């Protein structure tokens, strides 16, 4: 019995791609700086909580002025963190766009989201809960040398409809940390503190929530650096970068 011929899937050699390593390095540095700022904000939140606790216990070494100063410090640090987050986001999306263009050359499969979602996926309500993950996941799949080049889509390998193109646990873990951290910061933390009559218990709950949120965001920062590093390595394998 003759063995049916497998569809020809030519190896990728010396394909001209956009250079992305420099963008990934700059993005990684900014993400690392943002991660450090997230941890600093978490520390400042706990410091403010302990000051409030001492003030409510009538500690003579803590005045209302100290509480206002601690609150102002958190505001300033948070603004710096948000600014760093915005800048790192712009550079990351620039890197993502170039990596996406390269991945479309490396694999014929159609991505689940068009290029316009490279930006919109992060800002459109509701869909920003999973579109960014799909965008990065498809770039990962298309860049992976183990993925066949001649594919219709990135869900099955084209030979067996029940055999899915393997995704990445690293990408899934990154997005899980990112999405959970953002959800806690935007929807949980604001509900914990009564602005008119705050209690020490509410300050503690807020500090815990913010610490969890910022720690998850910091973990997401580390994980996305690893994701970028792997995609860059794959796209540079036996490729000639564009000038």
C-alpha atoms as a PDB file:
ATOM      1  CA  UNK A   1       0.000   0.000   0.000  1.00  0.00           C
ATOM      2  CA  UNK A   2       1.389   3.362  -0.951  1.00  0.00           C
ATOM      3  CA  UNK A   3       1.645   6.076   1.650  1.00  0.00           C
ATOM      4  CA  UNK A   4      -0.235   9.258   0.670  1.00  0.00           C
ATOM      5  CA  UNK A   5       2.048  12.163  -0.011  1.00  0.00           C
ATOM      6  CA  UNK A   6       2.117  14.873   2.607  1.00  0.00           C
ATOM      7  CA  UNK A   7       1.381  18.423   1.434  1.00  0.00           C
ATOM      8  CA  UNK A   8       4.602  20.196   0.614  1.00  0.00           C
ATOM      9  CA  UNK A   9       5.633  22.610   3.315  1.00  0.00           C
ATOM     10  CA  UNK A  10       8.845  24.285   2.188  1.00  0.00           C
ATOM     11  CA  UNK A  11      11.357  25.234   4.875  1.00  0.00           C
ATOM     12  CA  UNK A  12      11.766  28.895   5.651  1.00  0.00           C
ATOM     13  CA  UNK A  13      15.158  30.172   4.596  1.00  0.00           C
ATOM     14  CA  UNK A  14      16.530  33.675   4.206  1.00  0.00           C
ATOM     15  CA  UNK A  15      13.219  35.469   4.309  1.00  0.00           C
ATOM     16  CA  UNK A  16      13.388  39.237   4.586  1.00  0.00           C
ATOM     17  CA  UNK A  17      11.685  40.371   7.779  1.00  0.00           C
ATOM     18  CA  UNK A  18      11.335  43.576   9.707  1.00  0.00           C
ATOM     19  CA  UNK A  19      13.950  43.894  12.465  1.00  0.00           C
ATOM     20  CA  UNK A  20      12.299  43.600  15.863  1.00  0.00           C
ATOM     21  CA  UNK A  21      15.102  42.880  18.329  1.00  0.00           C
ATOM     22  CA  UNK A  22      15.865  46.553  19.072  1.00  0.00           C
ATOM     23  CA  UNK A  23      12.178  47.250  19.632  1.00  0.00           C
ATOM     24  CA  UNK A  24      11.910  44.247  21.931  1.00  0.00           C
ATOM     25  CA  UNK A  25      14.918  45.415  23.976  1.00  0.00           C
ATOM     26  CA  UNK A  26      13.517  48.930  24.419  1.00  0.00           C
ATOM     27  CA  UNK A  27      10.102  47.494  25.240  1.00  0.00           C
ATOM     28  CA  UNK A  28      11.597  45.062  27.764  1.00  0.00           C
ATOM     29  CA  UNK A  29      13.506  47.861  29.510  1.00  0.00           C
ATOM     30  CA  UNK A  30      10.354  49.982  29.760  1.00  0.00           C
ATOM     31  CA  UNK A  31       8.267  47.036  30.933  1.00  0.00           C
ATOM     32  CA  UNK A  32      10.894  46.278  33.589  1.00  0.00           C
ATOM     33  CA  UNK A  33      10.846  49.915  34.740  1.00  0.00           C
ATOM     34  CA  UNK A  34       7.046  49.826  34.884  1.00  0.00           C
ATOM     35  CA  UNK A  35       7.207  46.608  36.897  1.00  0.00           C
ATOM     36  CA  UNK A  36       9.533  48.242  39.431  1.00  0.00           C
ATOM     37  CA  UNK A  37       7.168  51.214  39.673  1.00  0.00           C
ATOM     38  CA  UNK A  38       4.248  48.860  40.326  1.00  0.00           C
ATOM     39  CA  UNK A  39       6.085  47.343  43.260  1.00  0.00           C
ATOM     40  CA  UNK A  40       6.999  50.808  44.586  1.00  0.00           C
ATOM     41  CA  UNK A  41       3.336  51.862  44.457  1.00  0.00           C
ATOM     42  CA  UNK A  42       2.410  48.676  46.347  1.00  0.00           C
ATOM     43  CA  UNK A  43       4.987  49.517  49.030  1.00  0.00           C
ATOM     44  CA  UNK A  44       3.672  53.105  49.293  1.00  0.00           C
ATOM     45  CA  UNK A  45       0.112  51.803  49.695  1.00  0.00           C
ATOM     46  CA  UNK A  46       1.108  49.646  52.650  1.00  0.00           C
ATOM     47  CA  UNK A  47       3.144  52.476  54.167  1.00  0.00           C
ATOM     48  CA  UNK A  48       0.058  54.693  53.995  1.00  0.00           C
ATOM     49  CA  UNK A  49      -2.016  51.980  55.640  1.00  0.00           C
ATOM     50  CA  UNK A  50       0.402  51.607  58.552  1.00  0.00           C
ATOM     51  CA  UNK A  51       0.485  55.374  59.024  1.00  0.00           C
ATOM     52  CA  UNK A  52      -3.327  55.473  59.112  1.00  0.00           C
ATOM     53  CA  UNK A  53      -3.314  52.642  61.638  1.00  0.00           C
ATOM     54  CA  UNK A  54      -0.880  54.487  63.899  1.00  0.00           C
ATOM     55  CA  UNK A  55      -2.894  57.702  63.555  1.00  0.00           C
ATOM     56  CA  UNK A  56      -6.129  55.977  64.597  1.00  0.00           C
ATOM     57  CA  UNK A  57      -4.290  54.484  67.563  1.00  0.00           C
ATOM     58  CA  UNK A  58      -3.385  58.057  68.605  1.00  0.00           C
ATOM     59  CA  UNK A  59       0.323  57.615  67.993  1.00  0.00           C
ATOM     60  CA  UNK A  60       1.840  61.068  68.798  1.00  0.00           C
ATOM     61  CA  UNK A  61       4.475  60.537  66.101  1.00  0.00           C
ATOM     62  CA  UNK A  62       1.854  60.561  63.308  1.00  0.00           C
ATOM     63  CA  UNK A  63      -0.221  63.614  62.417  1.00  0.00           C
ATOM     64  CA  UNK A  64      -2.927  64.304  59.880  1.00  0.00           C
ATOM     65  CA  UNK A  65      -0.274  66.086  57.843  1.00  0.00           C
ATOM     66  CA  UNK A  66       1.662  62.802  57.593  1.00  0.00           C
ATOM     67  CA  UNK A  67      -1.447  61.068  56.260  1.00  0.00           C
ATOM     68  CA  UNK A  68      -1.999  63.744  53.610  1.00  0.00           C
ATOM     69  CA  UNK A  69       1.676  63.590  52.646  1.00  0.00           C
ATOM     70  CA  UNK A  70       1.508  59.801  52.303  1.00  0.00           C
ATOM     71  CA  UNK A  71      -1.627  60.085  50.177  1.00  0.00           C
ATOM     72  CA  UNK A  72       0.005  62.688  47.937  1.00  0.00           C
ATOM     73  CA  UNK A  73       3.029  60.409  47.551  1.00  0.00           C
ATOM     74  CA  UNK A  74       0.808  57.561  46.392  1.00  0.00           C
ATOM     75  CA  UNK A  75      -0.862  59.860  43.871  1.00  0.00           C
ATOM     76  CA  UNK A  76       2.498  61.030  42.483  1.00  0.00           C
ATOM     77  CA  UNK A  77       3.905  57.505  42.307  1.00  0.00           C
ATOM     78  CA  UNK A  78       0.717  56.241  40.653  1.00  0.00           C
ATOM     79  CA  UNK A  79       0.899  58.972  38.020  1.00  0.00           C
ATOM     80  CA  UNK A  80       4.532  58.050  37.295  1.00  0.00           C
ATOM     81  CA  UNK A  81       3.509  54.393  37.079  1.00  0.00           C
ATOM     82  CA  UNK A  82       0.654  55.159  34.670  1.00  0.00           C
ATOM     83  CA  UNK A  83       2.944  57.326  32.528  1.00  0.00           C
ATOM     84  CA  UNK A  84       5.545  54.549  32.383  1.00  0.00           C
ATOM     85  CA  UNK A  85       2.775  52.063  31.580  1.00  0.00           C
ATOM     86  CA  UNK A  86       1.528  54.234  28.717  1.00  0.00           C
ATOM     87  CA  UNK A  87       4.986  54.692  27.197  1.00  0.00           C
ATOM     88  CA  UNK A  88       5.831  50.999  27.513  1.00  0.00           C
ATOM     89  CA  UNK A  89       2.439  50.206  25.946  1.00  0.00           C
ATOM     90  CA  UNK A  90       3.179  52.364  22.890  1.00  0.00           C
ATOM     91  CA  UNK A  91       6.565  50.716  22.344  1.00  0.00           C
ATOM     92  CA  UNK A  92       5.127  47.252  22.935  1.00  0.00           C
ATOM     93  CA  UNK A  93       2.353  47.794  20.393  1.00  0.00           C
ATOM     94  CA  UNK A  94       4.954  49.043  17.888  1.00  0.00           C
ATOM     95  CA  UNK A  95       6.948  45.859  18.458  1.00  0.00           C
ATOM     96  CA  UNK A  96       3.732  43.835  18.224  1.00  0.00           C
ATOM     97  CA  UNK A  97       2.872  45.376  14.849  1.00  0.00           C
ATOM     98  CA  UNK A  98       6.261  44.501  13.389  1.00  0.00           C
ATOM     99  CA  UNK A  99       6.181  41.003  14.872  1.00  0.00           C
ATOM    100  CA  UNK A 100       2.689  40.525  13.417  1.00  0.00           C
ATOM    101  CA  UNK A 101       3.829  41.508   9.913  1.00  0.00           C
ATOM    102  CA  UNK A 102       6.729  39.082  10.170  1.00  0.00           C
ATOM    103  CA  UNK A 103       4.493  36.280  11.419  1.00  0.00           C
ATOM    104  CA  UNK A 104       2.227  36.721   8.380  1.00  0.00           C
ATOM    105  CA  UNK A 105       5.262  36.063   6.175  1.00  0.00           C
ATOM    106  CA  UNK A 106       6.374  33.068   8.206  1.00  0.00           C
ATOM    107  CA  UNK A 107       2.979  31.363   8.105  1.00  0.00           C
ATOM    108  CA  UNK A 108       0.157  31.643   5.578  1.00  0.00           C
ATOM    109  CA  UNK A 109      -2.543  31.052   8.176  1.00  0.00           C
ATOM    110  CA  UNK A 110      -5.060  33.814   8.736  1.00  0.00           C
ATOM    111  CA  UNK A 111      -4.947  35.381  12.185  1.00  0.00           C
ATOM    112  CA  UNK A 112      -8.120  35.568  14.214  1.00  0.00           C
ATOM    113  CA  UNK A 113      -7.949  39.374  14.420  1.00  0.00           C
ATOM    114  CA  UNK A 114      -7.014  41.869  11.737  1.00  0.00           C
ATOM    115  CA  UNK A 115      -4.117  44.292  12.153  1.00  0.00           C
ATOM    116  CA  UNK A 116      -6.362  47.130  13.269  1.00  0.00           C
ATOM    117  CA  UNK A 117      -7.049  45.132  16.439  1.00  0.00           C
ATOM    118  CA  UNK A 118      -3.382  45.397  17.381  1.00  0.00           C
ATOM    119  CA  UNK A 119      -4.351  48.736  18.926  1.00  0.00           C
ATOM    120  CA  UNK A 120      -8.113  48.518  19.301  1.00  0.00           C
ATOM    121  CA  UNK A 121      -7.994  45.220  21.166  1.00  0.00           C
ATOM    122  CA  UNK A 122      -6.533  46.979  24.216  1.00  0.00           C
ATOM    123  CA  UNK A 123      -9.081  49.798  24.440  1.00  0.00           C
ATOM    124  CA  UNK A 124     -12.458  48.548  23.208  1.00  0.00           C
ATOM    125  CA  UNK A 125     -14.553  47.547  26.248  1.00  0.00           C
ATOM    126  CA  UNK A 126     -15.543  43.906  26.713  1.00  0.00           C
ATOM    127  CA  UNK A 127     -13.434  42.554  23.842  1.00  0.00           C
ATOM    128  CA  UNK A 128     -10.286  43.798  25.589  1.00  0.00           C
ATOM    129  CA  UNK A 129     -10.812  40.903  27.976  1.00  0.00           C
ATOM    130  CA  UNK A 130      -9.621  38.370  25.385  1.00  0.00           C
ATOM    131  CA  UNK A 131      -8.704  40.020  22.031  1.00  0.00           C
ATOM    132  CA  UNK A 132      -5.155  41.009  23.127  1.00  0.00           C
ATOM    133  CA  UNK A 133      -4.515  37.420  24.169  1.00  0.00           C
ATOM    134  CA  UNK A 134      -5.681  36.160  20.769  1.00  0.00           C
ATOM    135  CA  UNK A 135      -3.486  38.673  18.943  1.00  0.00           C
ATOM    136  CA  UNK A 136      -0.326  37.703  20.822  1.00  0.00           C
ATOM    137  CA  UNK A 137      -1.178  33.999  20.811  1.00  0.00           C
ATOM    138  CA  UNK A 138      -1.550  33.942  17.016  1.00  0.00           C
ATOM    139  CA  UNK A 139       1.766  35.756  16.544  1.00  0.00           C
ATOM    140  CA  UNK A 140       3.363  33.160  18.825  1.00  0.00           C
ATOM    141  CA  UNK A 141       1.841  30.274  16.844  1.00  0.00           C
ATOM    142  CA  UNK A 142       2.743  31.703  13.440  1.00  0.00           C
ATOM    143  CA  UNK A 143       6.314  32.456  14.552  1.00  0.00           C
ATOM    144  CA  UNK A 144       6.905  29.010  16.034  1.00  0.00           C
ATOM    145  CA  UNK A 145       9.174  26.999  13.673  1.00  0.00           C
ATOM    146  CA  UNK A 146       7.172  23.869  14.548  1.00  0.00           C
ATOM    147  CA  UNK A 147       4.043  25.377  12.990  1.00  0.00           C
ATOM    148  CA  UNK A 148       3.525  24.354   9.360  1.00  0.00           C
ATOM    149  CA  UNK A 149       3.859  27.269   6.973  1.00  0.00           C
ATOM    150  CA  UNK A 150       1.050  26.249   4.613  1.00  0.00           C
ATOM    151  CA  UNK A 151      -1.995  26.576   6.843  1.00  0.00           C
ATOM    152  CA  UNK A 152      -5.487  27.941   6.329  1.00  0.00           C
ATOM    153  CA  UNK A 153      -5.842  29.069   9.939  1.00  0.00           C
ATOM    154  CA  UNK A 154      -4.024  28.762  13.240  1.00  0.00           C
ATOM    155  CA  UNK A 155      -6.547  26.460  14.874  1.00  0.00           C
ATOM    156  CA  UNK A 156      -5.820  23.170  13.083  1.00  0.00           C
ATOM    157  CA  UNK A 157      -2.689  21.995  11.325  1.00  0.00           C
ATOM    158  CA  UNK A 158      -4.456  21.540   7.960  1.00  0.00           C
ATOM    159  CA  UNK A 159      -3.863  17.777   7.883  1.00  0.00           C
ATOM    160  CA  UNK A 160      -6.135  16.731  10.703  1.00  0.00           C
ATOM    161  CA  UNK A 161      -9.017  19.021  11.662  1.00  0.00           C
ATOM    162  CA  UNK A 162      -8.975  17.599  15.185  1.00  0.00           C
ATOM    163  CA  UNK A 163      -5.296  18.390  15.712  1.00  0.00           C
ATOM    164  CA  UNK A 164      -4.906  21.944  16.934  1.00  0.00           C
ATOM    165  CA  UNK A 165      -1.858  24.116  16.467  1.00  0.00           C
ATOM    166  CA  UNK A 166      -0.344  24.173  19.969  1.00  0.00           C
ATOM    167  CA  UNK A 167      -0.619  27.466  21.791  1.00  0.00           C
ATOM    168  CA  UNK A 168       1.516  28.725  24.639  1.00  0.00           C
ATOM    169  CA  UNK A 169       1.047  28.295  28.354  1.00  0.00           C
ATOM    170  CA  UNK A 170       3.421  31.237  28.783  1.00  0.00           C
ATOM    171  CA  UNK A 171       1.162  33.546  26.760  1.00  0.00           C
ATOM    172  CA  UNK A 172      -1.915  32.282  28.618  1.00  0.00           C
ATOM    173  CA  UNK A 173      -0.243  32.848  31.996  1.00  0.00           C
ATOM    174  CA  UNK A 174       0.835  36.367  30.950  1.00  0.00           C
ATOM    175  CA  UNK A 175      -2.677  37.336  29.949  1.00  0.00           C
ATOM    176  CA  UNK A 176      -4.224  35.703  33.012  1.00  0.00           C
ATOM    177  CA  UNK A 177      -2.016  37.813  35.296  1.00  0.00           C
ATOM    178  CA  UNK A 178      -2.600  40.951  33.230  1.00  0.00           C
ATOM    179  CA  UNK A 179      -6.383  40.646  32.990  1.00  0.00           C
ATOM    180  CA  UNK A 180      -6.851  39.675  36.635  1.00  0.00           C
ATOM    181  CA  UNK A 181      -4.624  42.492  37.874  1.00  0.00           C
ATOM    182  CA  UNK A 182      -6.489  45.069  35.799  1.00  0.00           C
ATOM    183  CA  UNK A 183      -9.896  43.735  36.885  1.00  0.00           C
ATOM    184  CA  UNK A 184      -8.983  44.000  40.577  1.00  0.00           C
ATOM    185  CA  UNK A 185      -7.619  47.530  40.123  1.00  0.00           C
ATOM    186  CA  UNK A 186     -10.585  48.847  38.128  1.00  0.00           C
ATOM    187  CA  UNK A 187     -13.578  47.026  39.603  1.00  0.00           C
ATOM    188  CA  UNK A 188     -12.688  45.628  43.037  1.00  0.00           C
ATOM    189  CA  UNK A 189     -10.360  48.135  44.711  1.00  0.00           C
ATOM    190  CA  UNK A 190     -12.568  51.242  44.140  1.00  0.00           C
ATOM    191  CA  UNK A 191     -15.431  49.567  46.008  1.00  0.00           C
ATOM    192  CA  UNK A 192     -13.439  48.858  49.160  1.00  0.00           C
ATOM    193  CA  UNK A 193     -12.996  52.372  50.535  1.00  0.00           C
ATOM    194  CA  UNK A 194     -15.735  54.697  51.741  1.00  0.00           C
ATOM    195  CA  UNK A 195     -14.469  58.126  50.727  1.00  0.00           C
ATOM    196  CA  UNK A 196     -16.581  59.896  53.384  1.00  0.00           C
ATOM    197  CA  UNK A 197     -16.101  57.583  56.378  1.00  0.00           C
ATOM    198  CA  UNK A 198     -13.099  55.329  55.759  1.00  0.00           C
ATOM    199  CA  UNK A 199     -12.171  52.771  58.396  1.00  0.00           C
ATOM    200  CA  UNK A 200      -8.855  51.101  59.145  1.00  0.00           C
ATOM    201  CA  UNK A 201     -10.322  47.803  57.945  1.00  0.00           C
ATOM    202  CA  UNK A 202     -11.164  49.416  54.605  1.00  0.00           C
ATOM    203  CA  UNK A 203      -7.634  50.796  54.305  1.00  0.00           C
ATOM    204  CA  UNK A 204      -6.271  47.319  54.945  1.00  0.00           C
ATOM    205  CA  UNK A 205      -8.598  45.720  52.373  1.00  0.00           C
ATOM    206  CA  UNK A 206      -7.599  48.364  49.840  1.00  0.00           C
ATOM    207  CA  UNK A 207      -3.900  47.779  50.499  1.00  0.00           C
ATOM    208  CA  UNK A 208      -4.350  44.026  50.049  1.00  0.00           C
ATOM    209  CA  UNK A 209      -6.315  44.463  46.812  1.00  0.00           C
ATOM    210  CA  UNK A 210      -3.835  46.948  45.365  1.00  0.00           C
ATOM    211  CA  UNK A 211      -0.909  44.733  46.343  1.00  0.00           C
ATOM    212  CA  UNK A 212      -2.475  41.720  44.622  1.00  0.00           C
ATOM    213  CA  UNK A 213      -3.276  43.799  41.542  1.00  0.00           C
ATOM    214  CA  UNK A 214       0.181  45.354  41.268  1.00  0.00           C
ATOM    215  CA  UNK A 215       1.936  42.057  41.967  1.00  0.00           C
ATOM    216  CA  UNK A 216      -0.028  40.412  39.169  1.00  0.00           C
ATOM    217  CA  UNK A 217       0.842  43.302  36.858  1.00  0.00           C
ATOM    218  CA  UNK A 218       4.502  42.946  37.812  1.00  0.00           C
ATOM    219  CA  UNK A 219       4.342  39.207  37.077  1.00  0.00           C
ATOM    220  CA  UNK A 220       2.700  39.991  33.736  1.00  0.00           C
ATOM    221  CA  UNK A 221       5.578  42.349  32.958  1.00  0.00           C
ATOM    222  CA  UNK A 222       8.136  39.605  33.541  1.00  0.00           C
ATOM    223  CA  UNK A 223       6.131  37.088  31.528  1.00  0.00           C
ATOM    224  CA  UNK A 224       5.618  39.376  28.520  1.00  0.00           C
ATOM    225  CA  UNK A 225       9.369  39.968  28.366  1.00  0.00           C
ATOM    226  CA  UNK A 226       9.819  36.193  28.115  1.00  0.00           C
ATOM    227  CA  UNK A 227       7.137  36.043  25.410  1.00  0.00           C
ATOM    228  CA  UNK A 228       8.845  38.765  23.372  1.00  0.00           C
ATOM    229  CA  UNK A 229      12.226  37.102  23.770  1.00  0.00           C
ATOM    230  CA  UNK A 230      10.946  33.788  22.438  1.00  0.00           C
ATOM    231  CA  UNK A 231       9.148  35.331  19.457  1.00  0.00           C
ATOM    232  CA  UNK A 232      12.251  37.360  18.560  1.00  0.00           C
ATOM    233  CA  UNK A 233      14.435  34.255  18.716  1.00  0.00           C
ATOM    234  CA  UNK A 234      12.062  32.332  16.464  1.00  0.00           C
ATOM    235  CA  UNK A 235      11.763  35.109  13.909  1.00  0.00           C
ATOM    236  CA  UNK A 236      15.528  35.526  13.717  1.00  0.00           C
ATOM    237  CA  UNK A 237      16.183  31.861  13.007  1.00  0.00           C
ATOM    238  CA  UNK A 238      17.753  31.616   9.550  1.00  0.00           C
ATOM    239  CA  UNK A 239      16.145  34.901   8.469  1.00  0.00           C
ATOM    240  CA  UNK A 240      17.768  37.944   6.905  1.00  0.00           C
ATOM    241  CA  UNK A 241      16.498  41.115   8.650  1.00  0.00           C
ATOM    242  CA  UNK A 242      15.286  43.975   6.496  1.00  0.00           C
ATOM    243  CA  UNK A 243      17.445  47.073   6.413  1.00  0.00           C
END
